[in-house]
N, C-alpha and C. Protein backbone atom coordinates (compact mmCIF):
# COMPACT_ATOMS: atom_id res chain seq x y z
N MET A 1 -19.80 4.47 7.42
CA MET A 1 -18.75 3.46 7.24
C MET A 1 -19.43 2.61 6.75
N ALA A 2 -18.82 1.69 5.64
CA ALA A 2 -19.26 0.49 5.24
C ALA A 2 -18.58 -0.59 5.47
N GLY A 3 -19.06 -1.81 6.10
CA GLY A 3 -18.63 -2.99 6.46
C GLY A 3 -17.82 -3.20 7.48
N ARG A 4 -17.35 -4.59 8.05
CA ARG A 4 -16.78 -4.63 9.42
C ARG A 4 -15.68 -4.25 9.41
N ALA A 5 -14.97 -3.88 10.64
CA ALA A 5 -13.57 -3.46 10.78
C ALA A 5 -13.31 -3.70 12.29
N LEU A 6 -11.94 -4.18 12.67
CA LEU A 6 -11.53 -4.74 13.84
C LEU A 6 -11.28 -3.26 14.51
N VAL A 7 -11.76 -2.98 15.68
CA VAL A 7 -11.40 -1.70 16.32
C VAL A 7 -10.45 -2.24 17.50
N ASP A 8 -9.30 -1.60 17.37
CA ASP A 8 -8.34 -1.56 18.31
C ASP A 8 -8.77 -0.68 19.62
N THR A 9 -8.26 -1.17 20.82
CA THR A 9 -8.28 -0.50 22.24
C THR A 9 -8.22 0.96 22.11
N SER A 10 -6.95 1.45 21.48
CA SER A 10 -6.85 2.87 21.26
C SER A 10 -8.10 3.50 20.79
N ALA A 11 -8.72 3.05 19.94
CA ALA A 11 -9.85 3.52 19.14
C ALA A 11 -11.10 3.46 20.26
N TRP A 12 -11.47 2.31 20.78
CA TRP A 12 -12.29 2.22 21.67
C TRP A 12 -12.30 3.50 22.99
N ILE A 13 -10.98 3.58 23.33
CA ILE A 13 -10.72 4.73 24.12
C ILE A 13 -11.28 5.97 23.63
N ASP A 14 -10.90 6.34 22.22
CA ASP A 14 -11.50 7.82 21.75
C ASP A 14 -13.17 7.68 21.71
N ALA A 15 -13.54 6.36 21.73
CA ALA A 15 -15.12 6.41 21.47
C ALA A 15 -15.93 6.43 22.72
N LEU A 16 -15.17 6.02 23.69
CA LEU A 16 -15.68 6.03 25.30
C LEU A 16 -15.47 7.36 26.09
N ARG A 17 -14.35 8.12 25.96
CA ARG A 17 -14.01 8.94 26.55
C ARG A 17 -14.48 10.51 26.07
N ALA A 18 -14.83 11.51 26.81
CA ALA A 18 -15.47 12.66 26.10
C ALA A 18 -14.23 13.36 25.47
N ASP A 19 -13.12 13.32 25.96
CA ASP A 19 -11.78 13.92 25.65
C ASP A 19 -10.97 13.06 24.53
N GLY A 20 -11.55 11.91 23.85
CA GLY A 20 -11.09 11.34 22.98
C GLY A 20 -10.93 11.90 21.73
N ASP A 21 -10.22 11.68 20.59
CA ASP A 21 -10.47 12.12 19.34
C ASP A 21 -11.83 12.16 18.56
N GLN A 22 -12.66 12.91 18.43
CA GLN A 22 -14.25 13.03 17.98
C GLN A 22 -14.19 12.19 16.67
N SER A 23 -13.32 12.42 15.66
CA SER A 23 -13.52 11.67 14.38
C SER A 23 -13.35 10.14 14.86
N ILE A 24 -12.36 9.79 15.18
CA ILE A 24 -12.20 8.61 15.43
C ILE A 24 -13.25 7.72 16.19
N GLY A 25 -13.82 8.49 17.54
CA GLY A 25 -14.80 8.16 18.34
C GLY A 25 -16.00 7.96 17.44
N ALA A 26 -16.31 8.87 16.65
CA ALA A 26 -17.58 9.03 16.19
C ALA A 26 -17.45 7.84 15.10
N ALA A 27 -16.58 7.39 14.40
CA ALA A 27 -16.45 6.27 13.45
C ALA A 27 -16.80 4.84 14.21
N VAL A 28 -16.04 4.94 15.24
CA VAL A 28 -16.27 3.52 16.31
C VAL A 28 -17.77 3.32 16.47
N ARG A 29 -18.38 4.50 16.94
CA ARG A 29 -19.73 4.45 17.36
C ARG A 29 -20.71 3.95 16.62
N GLU A 30 -20.34 4.60 15.12
CA GLU A 30 -20.82 4.27 14.01
C GLU A 30 -21.02 2.83 13.67
N LEU A 31 -19.98 2.32 13.78
CA LEU A 31 -19.50 0.88 13.42
C LEU A 31 -20.49 0.06 14.46
N ALA A 32 -20.16 0.45 15.76
CA ALA A 32 -20.78 -0.70 16.88
C ALA A 32 -22.19 -0.36 16.69
N ALA A 33 -23.17 0.80 16.33
CA ALA A 33 -24.44 0.97 16.17
C ALA A 33 -24.91 0.01 14.95
N ASP A 34 -24.12 -0.09 13.99
CA ASP A 34 -24.28 -0.95 12.67
C ASP A 34 -24.05 -2.25 12.90
N GLY A 35 -23.28 -2.58 13.87
CA GLY A 35 -23.08 -4.05 14.03
C GLY A 35 -21.97 -4.61 13.52
N GLU A 36 -20.94 -3.72 13.08
CA GLU A 36 -20.05 -3.88 12.09
C GLU A 36 -18.66 -3.44 13.05
N ALA A 37 -18.54 -3.47 14.10
CA ALA A 37 -17.35 -3.33 15.16
C ALA A 37 -16.92 -4.68 15.42
N VAL A 38 -15.75 -5.23 15.20
CA VAL A 38 -15.25 -6.40 15.51
C VAL A 38 -14.18 -6.27 16.80
N LEU A 39 -14.43 -7.34 17.53
CA LEU A 39 -12.98 -7.50 18.71
C LEU A 39 -12.21 -8.59 18.21
N CYS A 40 -11.07 -8.59 18.70
CA CYS A 40 -10.33 -9.77 18.82
C CYS A 40 -10.04 -9.92 20.32
N ASP A 41 -9.59 -11.51 20.52
CA ASP A 41 -9.17 -11.57 21.88
C ASP A 41 -8.22 -10.62 22.78
N LEU A 42 -7.24 -10.35 22.01
CA LEU A 42 -6.36 -9.17 22.63
C LEU A 42 -6.80 -8.00 23.01
N VAL A 43 -7.62 -7.70 22.11
CA VAL A 43 -8.46 -6.08 22.47
C VAL A 43 -9.28 -6.35 23.93
N ARG A 44 -9.99 -7.64 23.50
CA ARG A 44 -10.85 -7.87 24.96
C ARG A 44 -10.05 -7.91 26.10
N VAL A 45 -8.84 -8.45 26.13
CA VAL A 45 -8.22 -8.52 27.44
C VAL A 45 -7.54 -7.03 27.76
N GLU A 46 -7.14 -6.10 26.56
CA GLU A 46 -6.81 -4.79 26.91
C GLU A 46 -8.11 -3.95 27.70
N LEU A 47 -9.22 -4.25 27.26
CA LEU A 47 -10.35 -3.45 27.76
C LEU A 47 -10.78 -3.90 29.20
N TRP A 48 -10.41 -5.24 29.18
CA TRP A 48 -10.61 -5.79 30.65
C TRP A 48 -9.41 -5.03 31.90
N ASN A 49 -8.56 -5.16 31.30
CA ASN A 49 -7.22 -4.56 32.00
C ASN A 49 -7.61 -3.09 32.20
N GLY A 50 -7.99 -2.44 31.28
CA GLY A 50 -8.32 -0.74 31.71
C GLY A 50 -9.67 -0.55 32.42
N ALA A 51 -10.44 -1.50 32.41
CA ALA A 51 -11.97 -1.41 33.02
C ALA A 51 -11.73 -1.03 34.55
N GLY A 52 -12.08 0.07 35.02
CA GLY A 52 -11.92 0.49 36.31
C GLY A 52 -12.96 0.32 37.42
N GLY A 53 -14.04 0.94 36.96
CA GLY A 53 -15.31 0.79 37.78
C GLY A 53 -16.42 -0.03 37.26
N ASP A 54 -17.39 -0.19 38.06
CA ASP A 54 -18.55 -1.19 37.73
C ASP A 54 -19.12 -0.67 36.33
N ALA A 55 -19.24 0.41 35.94
CA ALA A 55 -20.04 1.30 34.82
C ALA A 55 -19.04 0.63 33.47
N GLU A 56 -17.76 0.74 33.91
CA GLU A 56 -16.92 0.32 32.45
C GLU A 56 -16.92 -1.02 32.44
N LYS A 57 -16.78 -1.99 33.64
CA LYS A 57 -16.83 -3.53 33.62
C LYS A 57 -18.13 -4.03 32.70
N LYS A 58 -19.18 -2.91 33.06
CA LYS A 58 -20.55 -3.38 32.51
C LYS A 58 -20.49 -3.07 30.94
N LEU A 59 -19.97 -2.09 30.58
CA LEU A 59 -19.96 -1.71 29.26
C LEU A 59 -19.02 -2.86 28.52
N VAL A 60 -17.77 -3.23 29.01
CA VAL A 60 -17.00 -4.30 28.20
C VAL A 60 -17.77 -5.52 28.15
N ARG A 61 -18.60 -5.82 29.17
CA ARG A 61 -19.52 -7.01 29.08
C ARG A 61 -20.60 -7.01 27.89
N GLU A 62 -21.25 -5.90 27.84
CA GLU A 62 -22.05 -5.44 26.60
C GLU A 62 -21.39 -5.63 25.35
N LEU A 63 -20.05 -4.99 25.07
CA LEU A 63 -19.48 -5.00 24.32
C LEU A 63 -19.01 -6.54 23.84
N GLU A 64 -18.86 -7.52 24.65
CA GLU A 64 -18.26 -8.67 24.36
C GLU A 64 -19.48 -9.62 24.12
N ARG A 65 -20.84 -9.20 24.51
CA ARG A 65 -22.09 -9.63 24.28
C ARG A 65 -22.81 -9.46 22.97
N GLU A 66 -22.47 -8.33 22.53
CA GLU A 66 -23.09 -7.71 21.28
C GLU A 66 -22.13 -7.96 20.08
N LEU A 67 -20.96 -7.76 19.99
CA LEU A 67 -19.77 -7.83 18.83
C LEU A 67 -19.22 -9.01 18.59
N GLU A 68 -19.10 -9.14 17.31
CA GLU A 68 -18.36 -10.57 16.90
C GLU A 68 -16.97 -10.40 17.49
N CYS A 69 -16.52 -11.53 17.95
CA CYS A 69 -14.96 -11.57 18.16
C CYS A 69 -14.13 -12.49 17.14
N VAL A 70 -13.35 -11.95 16.48
CA VAL A 70 -12.77 -12.84 15.48
C VAL A 70 -11.50 -13.86 16.11
N PRO A 71 -11.54 -15.07 15.78
CA PRO A 71 -10.50 -16.00 16.36
C PRO A 71 -8.97 -15.83 16.43
N THR A 72 -8.10 -15.66 17.24
CA THR A 72 -6.71 -15.49 17.22
C THR A 72 -6.47 -17.02 17.02
N ASP A 73 -6.29 -17.49 15.71
CA ASP A 73 -5.82 -18.92 15.36
C ASP A 73 -4.64 -18.87 14.90
N GLU A 74 -4.18 -19.93 14.11
CA GLU A 74 -2.90 -20.17 13.72
C GLU A 74 -2.62 -19.14 12.57
N ARG A 75 -3.48 -18.75 11.82
CA ARG A 75 -3.24 -17.75 10.78
C ARG A 75 -2.83 -16.41 11.32
N VAL A 76 -3.50 -16.11 12.51
CA VAL A 76 -3.08 -14.91 13.19
C VAL A 76 -1.62 -14.90 13.54
N TRP A 77 -1.39 -16.10 14.36
CA TRP A 77 0.14 -15.98 14.81
C TRP A 77 1.17 -16.01 13.64
N GLU A 78 0.64 -16.78 12.79
CA GLU A 78 1.73 -16.83 11.66
C GLU A 78 1.87 -15.33 10.99
N ALA A 79 0.67 -14.53 11.00
CA ALA A 79 0.66 -13.28 10.51
C ALA A 79 1.72 -12.57 11.43
N ALA A 80 1.24 -12.82 12.66
CA ALA A 80 2.09 -11.95 13.60
C ALA A 80 3.62 -12.03 13.54
N ARG A 81 4.41 -13.32 13.45
CA ARG A 81 5.55 -13.58 13.21
C ARG A 81 5.90 -12.92 12.05
N ASN A 82 5.17 -12.80 10.90
CA ASN A 82 5.58 -12.20 9.41
C ASN A 82 5.87 -10.64 9.90
N LEU A 83 4.84 -10.29 10.63
CA LEU A 83 4.99 -8.73 10.66
C LEU A 83 6.37 -8.69 11.75
N ALA A 84 6.40 -9.35 12.65
CA ALA A 84 7.60 -8.99 13.44
C ALA A 84 8.69 -8.87 12.81
N ARG A 85 9.06 -10.11 11.57
CA ARG A 85 10.10 -10.23 10.98
C ARG A 85 10.26 -8.93 10.04
N ALA A 86 9.30 -8.54 9.40
CA ALA A 86 9.25 -7.42 8.73
C ALA A 86 9.53 -6.06 9.21
N CYS A 87 9.00 -5.78 10.43
CA CYS A 87 9.40 -4.92 11.19
C CYS A 87 10.76 -4.85 11.61
N ARG A 88 11.58 -5.96 12.14
CA ARG A 88 12.60 -5.91 12.49
C ARG A 88 13.64 -5.76 11.31
N SER A 89 13.36 -6.11 10.30
CA SER A 89 14.03 -5.80 9.05
C SER A 89 14.27 -4.54 8.95
N LYS A 90 13.16 -3.74 9.03
CA LYS A 90 13.21 -2.26 8.95
C LYS A 90 13.67 -1.20 10.03
N GLY A 91 14.01 -2.19 10.93
CA GLY A 91 14.36 -1.51 12.56
C GLY A 91 13.27 -1.02 13.18
N VAL A 92 12.21 -1.18 13.04
CA VAL A 92 11.16 -0.86 13.49
C VAL A 92 10.70 -1.85 15.01
N THR A 93 10.76 -1.07 15.86
CA THR A 93 10.31 -1.82 17.23
C THR A 93 8.95 -1.63 17.70
N VAL A 94 7.80 -2.43 17.88
CA VAL A 94 6.64 -2.05 18.17
C VAL A 94 6.26 -3.10 19.21
N PRO A 95 5.12 -2.99 20.16
CA PRO A 95 5.01 -3.81 21.37
C PRO A 95 4.36 -5.26 20.54
N ALA A 96 4.50 -6.34 21.03
CA ALA A 96 4.13 -7.58 20.49
C ALA A 96 2.56 -7.71 20.42
N THR A 97 2.03 -7.13 21.57
CA THR A 97 0.48 -6.81 21.67
C THR A 97 0.03 -6.09 20.13
N ASP A 98 0.56 -5.19 19.93
CA ASP A 98 0.08 -4.52 18.74
C ASP A 98 0.44 -5.29 17.40
N LEU A 99 1.48 -6.21 17.29
CA LEU A 99 1.73 -6.90 16.26
C LEU A 99 0.62 -7.97 16.31
N VAL A 100 0.02 -8.46 17.10
CA VAL A 100 -0.74 -9.66 17.41
C VAL A 100 -2.42 -8.86 16.75
N VAL A 101 -2.58 -7.65 17.17
CA VAL A 101 -3.81 -7.12 16.77
C VAL A 101 -3.67 -6.84 15.18
N ALA A 102 -2.81 -6.42 14.87
CA ALA A 102 -2.58 -5.94 13.49
C ALA A 102 -2.57 -7.20 12.63
N ALA A 103 -2.03 -8.24 13.25
CA ALA A 103 -1.91 -9.53 12.43
C ALA A 103 -3.33 -10.22 12.18
N CYS A 104 -4.28 -9.99 13.44
CA CYS A 104 -5.54 -10.45 13.45
C CYS A 104 -6.45 -9.75 12.34
N ALA A 105 -6.48 -8.55 12.13
CA ALA A 105 -6.95 -7.80 11.21
C ALA A 105 -6.38 -8.16 10.04
N GLU A 106 -5.05 -8.40 9.69
CA GLU A 106 -4.71 -8.95 8.22
C GLU A 106 -5.32 -10.32 8.22
N ALA A 107 -5.19 -11.23 9.12
CA ALA A 107 -5.46 -12.62 8.63
C ALA A 107 -7.09 -12.61 8.57
N HIS A 108 -7.63 -11.73 9.09
CA HIS A 108 -9.28 -11.75 8.78
C HIS A 108 -9.65 -10.77 7.86
N ASP A 109 -8.90 -10.09 6.77
CA ASP A 109 -8.94 -9.26 5.82
C ASP A 109 -9.97 -8.02 6.42
N LEU A 110 -9.61 -7.56 7.62
CA LEU A 110 -10.37 -6.58 8.07
C LEU A 110 -9.57 -5.42 8.23
N PRO A 111 -10.09 -4.09 7.88
CA PRO A 111 -9.38 -2.75 8.28
C PRO A 111 -9.37 -2.71 9.67
N LEU A 112 -8.25 -2.10 10.35
CA LEU A 112 -8.15 -1.96 11.51
C LEU A 112 -8.20 -0.42 11.79
N ILE A 113 -9.25 -0.13 12.72
CA ILE A 113 -9.53 1.29 13.29
C ILE A 113 -8.85 1.48 14.66
N HIS A 114 -7.97 2.54 14.77
CA HIS A 114 -6.78 2.68 15.80
C HIS A 114 -6.54 4.13 15.89
N HIS A 115 -5.96 4.50 17.02
CA HIS A 115 -5.31 5.72 17.32
C HIS A 115 -4.01 5.58 17.90
N ASP A 116 -3.17 4.92 17.36
CA ASP A 116 -1.90 4.34 17.94
C ASP A 116 -0.91 4.26 16.88
N SER A 117 0.16 5.21 16.92
CA SER A 117 1.08 5.21 15.80
C SER A 117 1.78 4.12 15.67
N HIS A 118 1.87 3.22 16.38
CA HIS A 118 2.55 2.09 16.37
C HIS A 118 1.88 1.13 15.12
N PHE A 119 0.77 1.34 14.83
CA PHE A 119 0.15 0.51 13.70
C PHE A 119 0.40 1.03 12.49
N ASP A 120 0.53 2.50 12.48
CA ASP A 120 1.08 3.16 11.45
C ASP A 120 2.50 2.54 10.87
N ARG A 121 3.56 2.52 11.96
CA ARG A 121 4.72 2.15 11.81
C ARG A 121 4.62 0.73 11.44
N ILE A 122 3.91 -0.07 11.82
CA ILE A 122 3.94 -1.74 11.46
C ILE A 122 3.41 -1.59 9.91
N ALA A 123 2.38 -0.83 9.56
CA ALA A 123 2.03 -0.73 8.32
C ALA A 123 3.10 -0.33 7.17
N ARG A 124 3.85 0.73 7.78
CA ARG A 124 4.93 1.00 6.78
C ARG A 124 6.06 0.00 6.84
N ALA A 125 6.30 -0.49 7.72
CA ALA A 125 7.08 -1.69 7.90
C ALA A 125 6.76 -2.78 6.70
N ARG A 126 5.51 -2.99 6.56
CA ARG A 126 4.84 -4.02 5.87
C ARG A 126 4.84 -3.68 4.53
N GLY A 127 4.58 -2.38 4.31
CA GLY A 127 4.33 -1.93 2.95
C GLY A 127 3.25 -1.35 2.44
N ALA A 128 2.21 -1.34 3.50
CA ALA A 128 0.73 -0.84 3.27
C ALA A 128 0.16 -0.35 4.34
N VAL A 129 -0.46 0.81 4.25
CA VAL A 129 -0.93 1.53 5.39
C VAL A 129 -2.60 1.22 5.07
N ARG A 130 -2.58 0.53 6.39
CA ARG A 130 -4.45 0.40 6.56
C ARG A 130 -4.93 1.14 7.87
N ARG A 131 -5.76 2.01 7.50
CA ARG A 131 -6.41 2.74 8.55
C ARG A 131 -8.11 2.63 8.68
């Protein structure tokens, strides 16, 4: 895999669980090993929200320490509002958290690695599929 990519929580789960999607998990592990996996603040929150034991908390700390975290700045919020409008106009309802993650990838011109159909629905409503 070449180049940086924003990795959504759903893809991190595939990478970290033995029963996760093997192809997505392998792609995420490769990105992380190459230093190309990117986080955003919302993904960090979701990872911490799901971290149960000491080993998982240690892993999240390591990811935060080793990986770039792109800012959730005004460009991201504007892109999220635009995505929300695009989705609503097509009758697509998705969680606001997924709109923000998708907007973060869009605003920073990063492909989004995920295993969540909400992102496919967002992309279709926006008129472009990115995965």
